[in-house]
């Protein structure tokens, strides 16, 4: 179960990283869900504040870090 969750979260960060590298601004879209709207606003703020490339690198590091932490946790349990 840990691997499914880690894989899903890492995939989400990888997609966000790809979208940042191609400068796809998700904040142009609107959602009726307040949580999704808040997250897209945060994503747009990151793109505006630190830039597309830095945001892409940040999300890529988060994706790799999640997988690395899952691997490290699995080795310690054995």
N, C-alpha and C. Protein backbone atom coordinates (compact mmCIF):
# COMPACT_ATOMS: atom_id res chain seq x y z
N UNK A 1 0.82 -1.19 0.00
CA UNK A 1 0.00 0.00 0.00
C UNK A 1 0.87 1.26 0.00
N UNK A 2 1.99 1.17 0.71
CA UNK A 2 2.90 2.33 0.77
C UNK A 2 3.42 2.66 -0.62
N UNK A 3 3.70 1.64 -1.42
CA UNK A 3 4.24 1.88 -2.75
C UNK A 3 3.20 2.49 -3.68
N UNK A 4 1.95 2.11 -3.51
CA UNK A 4 0.89 2.69 -4.34
C UNK A 4 0.75 4.18 -4.05
N UNK A 5 0.72 4.52 -2.77
CA UNK A 5 0.59 5.93 -2.38
C UNK A 5 1.82 6.72 -2.81
N UNK A 6 3.00 6.17 -2.56
CA UNK A 6 4.24 6.87 -2.94
C UNK A 6 4.31 7.05 -4.46
N UNK A 7 3.92 6.04 -5.19
CA UNK A 7 3.93 6.14 -6.65
C UNK A 7 2.94 7.18 -7.17
N UNK A 8 1.75 7.20 -6.56
CA UNK A 8 0.74 8.17 -6.99
C UNK A 8 1.19 9.60 -6.70
N UNK A 9 1.68 9.86 -5.50
CA UNK A 9 2.12 11.21 -5.14
C UNK A 9 3.32 11.63 -5.99
N UNK A 10 4.25 10.71 -6.22
CA UNK A 10 5.40 11.03 -7.06
C UNK A 10 4.96 11.32 -8.49
N UNK A 11 3.96 10.59 -8.98
CA UNK A 11 3.45 10.83 -10.32
C UNK A 11 2.78 12.21 -10.41
N UNK A 12 2.05 12.60 -9.38
CA UNK A 12 1.42 13.92 -9.37
C UNK A 12 2.49 15.01 -9.41
N UNK A 13 3.54 14.86 -8.60
CA UNK A 13 4.61 15.85 -8.62
C UNK A 13 5.35 15.85 -9.96
N UNK A 14 5.50 14.69 -10.58
CA UNK A 14 6.16 14.63 -11.89
C UNK A 14 5.33 15.35 -12.96
N UNK A 15 4.03 15.16 -12.92
CA UNK A 15 3.16 15.85 -13.90
C UNK A 15 3.19 17.36 -13.67
N UNK A 16 3.15 17.78 -12.41
CA UNK A 16 3.25 19.21 -12.12
C UNK A 16 4.59 19.78 -12.56
N UNK A 17 5.65 19.00 -12.39
CA UNK A 17 6.96 19.42 -12.84
C UNK A 17 6.99 19.59 -14.36
N UNK A 18 6.43 18.62 -15.08
CA UNK A 18 6.38 18.71 -16.54
C UNK A 18 5.57 19.92 -16.97
N UNK A 19 4.41 20.15 -16.32
CA UNK A 19 3.60 21.31 -16.67
C UNK A 19 4.34 22.61 -16.41
N UNK A 20 5.13 22.66 -15.36
CA UNK A 20 5.90 23.88 -15.08
C UNK A 20 6.98 24.09 -16.14
N UNK A 21 7.65 23.01 -16.56
CA UNK A 21 8.71 23.15 -17.56
C UNK A 21 8.16 23.62 -18.90
N UNK A 22 6.95 23.21 -19.25
CA UNK A 22 6.39 23.67 -20.53
C UNK A 22 5.57 24.94 -20.35
N UNK A 23 5.63 25.53 -19.14
CA UNK A 23 4.95 26.78 -18.80
C UNK A 23 3.45 26.70 -19.02
N UNK A 24 2.86 25.56 -18.66
CA UNK A 24 1.42 25.39 -18.73
C UNK A 24 0.83 25.91 -17.43
N UNK A 25 0.17 27.04 -17.50
CA UNK A 25 -0.36 27.68 -16.30
C UNK A 25 -1.72 27.08 -15.95
N UNK A 26 -1.74 26.25 -14.93
CA UNK A 26 -2.98 25.61 -14.52
C UNK A 26 -3.95 26.59 -13.87
N UNK A 27 -3.47 27.74 -13.46
CA UNK A 27 -4.33 28.69 -12.76
C UNK A 27 -5.32 29.38 -13.71
N UNK A 28 -5.14 29.21 -15.01
CA UNK A 28 -6.10 29.78 -15.96
C UNK A 28 -7.42 29.01 -15.94
N UNK A 29 -7.38 27.79 -15.46
CA UNK A 29 -8.59 26.97 -15.39
C UNK A 29 -9.34 27.29 -14.11
N UNK A 30 -10.63 27.03 -14.10
CA UNK A 30 -11.41 27.28 -12.90
C UNK A 30 -12.07 25.98 -12.44
N UNK A 31 -12.29 25.88 -11.14
CA UNK A 31 -12.90 24.69 -10.57
C UNK A 31 -13.93 25.11 -9.54
N UNK A 32 -14.99 24.33 -9.44
CA UNK A 32 -16.00 24.59 -8.44
C UNK A 32 -15.59 24.08 -7.07
N UNK A 33 -14.60 23.19 -7.04
CA UNK A 33 -14.11 22.63 -5.79
C UNK A 33 -13.14 23.62 -5.16
N UNK A 34 -13.37 23.99 -3.91
CA UNK A 34 -12.52 25.00 -3.27
C UNK A 34 -11.10 24.51 -3.04
N UNK A 35 -10.94 23.23 -2.73
CA UNK A 35 -9.60 22.69 -2.50
C UNK A 35 -8.79 22.72 -3.79
N UNK A 36 -9.39 22.28 -4.89
CA UNK A 36 -8.68 22.29 -6.17
C UNK A 36 -8.38 23.73 -6.59
N UNK A 37 -9.30 24.63 -6.37
CA UNK A 37 -9.07 26.05 -6.70
C UNK A 37 -7.92 26.61 -5.88
N UNK A 38 -7.86 26.24 -4.60
CA UNK A 38 -6.77 26.72 -3.74
C UNK A 38 -5.42 26.18 -4.22
N UNK A 39 -5.39 24.90 -4.58
CA UNK A 39 -4.14 24.30 -5.05
C UNK A 39 -3.68 24.88 -6.39
N UNK A 40 -4.61 25.16 -7.30
CA UNK A 40 -4.21 25.78 -8.56
C UNK A 40 -3.75 27.22 -8.35
N UNK A 41 -4.36 27.91 -7.39
CA UNK A 41 -3.88 29.26 -7.05
C UNK A 41 -2.46 29.22 -6.49
N UNK A 42 -2.20 28.24 -5.64
CA UNK A 42 -0.86 28.07 -5.08
C UNK A 42 0.15 27.74 -6.18
N UNK A 43 -0.24 26.89 -7.11
CA UNK A 43 0.63 26.54 -8.24
C UNK A 43 0.93 27.78 -9.09
N UNK A 44 -0.10 28.57 -9.36
CA UNK A 44 0.09 29.81 -10.13
C UNK A 44 0.97 30.80 -9.40
N UNK A 45 0.82 30.86 -8.07
CA UNK A 45 1.66 31.75 -7.28
C UNK A 45 3.12 31.32 -7.34
N UNK A 46 3.37 30.00 -7.26
CA UNK A 46 4.75 29.51 -7.36
C UNK A 46 5.34 29.85 -8.73
N UNK A 47 4.57 29.65 -9.78
CA UNK A 47 5.07 29.98 -11.12
C UNK A 47 5.38 31.47 -11.23
N UNK A 48 4.52 32.30 -10.67
CA UNK A 48 4.75 33.74 -10.74
C UNK A 48 5.88 34.22 -9.85
N UNK A 49 6.07 33.57 -8.71
CA UNK A 49 7.07 34.02 -7.74
C UNK A 49 8.48 33.58 -8.08
N UNK A 50 8.66 32.29 -8.32
CA UNK A 50 10.03 31.78 -8.53
C UNK A 50 10.31 31.39 -9.97
N UNK A 51 9.30 31.40 -10.82
CA UNK A 51 9.52 31.10 -12.23
C UNK A 51 9.18 29.66 -12.58
N UNK A 52 9.02 29.41 -13.86
CA UNK A 52 8.59 28.10 -14.34
C UNK A 52 9.67 27.04 -14.15
N UNK A 53 10.90 27.37 -14.47
CA UNK A 53 11.97 26.37 -14.38
C UNK A 53 12.24 26.00 -12.92
N UNK A 54 12.29 26.99 -12.05
CA UNK A 54 12.53 26.69 -10.63
C UNK A 54 11.38 25.88 -10.03
N UNK A 55 10.15 26.18 -10.43
CA UNK A 55 9.01 25.41 -9.96
C UNK A 55 9.08 23.98 -10.48
N UNK A 56 9.46 23.81 -11.73
CA UNK A 56 9.63 22.47 -12.29
C UNK A 56 10.68 21.67 -11.57
N UNK A 57 11.80 22.31 -11.26
CA UNK A 57 12.87 21.63 -10.52
C UNK A 57 12.40 21.28 -9.11
N UNK A 58 11.69 22.19 -8.46
CA UNK A 58 11.17 21.94 -7.13
C UNK A 58 10.25 20.72 -7.09
N UNK A 59 9.33 20.65 -8.03
CA UNK A 59 8.42 19.51 -8.07
C UNK A 59 9.14 18.22 -8.46
N UNK A 60 10.13 18.30 -9.32
CA UNK A 60 10.90 17.11 -9.69
C UNK A 60 11.69 16.58 -8.49
N UNK A 61 12.28 17.48 -7.72
CA UNK A 61 13.00 17.06 -6.51
C UNK A 61 12.05 16.43 -5.50
N UNK A 62 10.85 16.99 -5.39
CA UNK A 62 9.85 16.39 -4.48
C UNK A 62 9.47 14.98 -4.94
N UNK A 63 9.30 14.77 -6.23
CA UNK A 63 8.94 13.45 -6.75
C UNK A 63 10.06 12.44 -6.47
N UNK A 64 11.29 12.82 -6.74
CA UNK A 64 12.42 11.92 -6.49
C UNK A 64 12.58 11.68 -4.99
N UNK A 65 12.39 12.71 -4.18
CA UNK A 65 12.52 12.55 -2.73
C UNK A 65 11.49 11.61 -2.15
N UNK A 66 10.27 11.65 -2.65
CA UNK A 66 9.22 10.74 -2.17
C UNK A 66 9.58 9.30 -2.47
N UNK A 67 10.04 9.04 -3.68
CA UNK A 67 10.44 7.67 -4.03
C UNK A 67 11.66 7.24 -3.21
N UNK A 68 12.61 8.13 -3.02
CA UNK A 68 13.81 7.79 -2.23
C UNK A 68 13.44 7.49 -0.78
N UNK A 69 12.52 8.26 -0.20
CA UNK A 69 12.09 7.99 1.17
C UNK A 69 11.34 6.67 1.28
N UNK A 70 10.56 6.33 0.28
CA UNK A 70 9.85 5.05 0.30
C UNK A 70 10.83 3.89 0.20
N UNK A 71 11.85 4.02 -0.64
CA UNK A 71 12.87 2.96 -0.76
C UNK A 71 13.64 2.84 0.54
N UNK A 72 14.03 3.96 1.11
CA UNK A 72 14.80 3.94 2.36
C UNK A 72 14.00 3.35 3.51
N UNK A 73 12.72 3.65 3.58
CA UNK A 73 11.86 3.10 4.63
C UNK A 73 11.71 1.59 4.47
N UNK A 74 11.63 1.13 3.24
CA UNK A 74 11.52 -0.31 3.00
C UNK A 74 12.76 -1.07 3.40
N UNK A 75 13.92 -0.48 3.24
CA UNK A 75 15.18 -1.14 3.63
C UNK A 75 15.33 -1.20 5.13
N UNK A 76 14.85 -0.21 5.87
CA UNK A 76 14.98 -0.19 7.30
C UNK A 76 14.03 -1.18 7.97
N UNK A 77 12.90 -1.47 7.34
CA UNK A 77 11.92 -2.39 7.92
C UNK A 77 12.44 -3.83 7.90
N UNK A 78 13.27 -4.15 6.95
CA UNK A 78 13.79 -5.51 6.85
C UNK A 78 14.91 -5.64 7.79
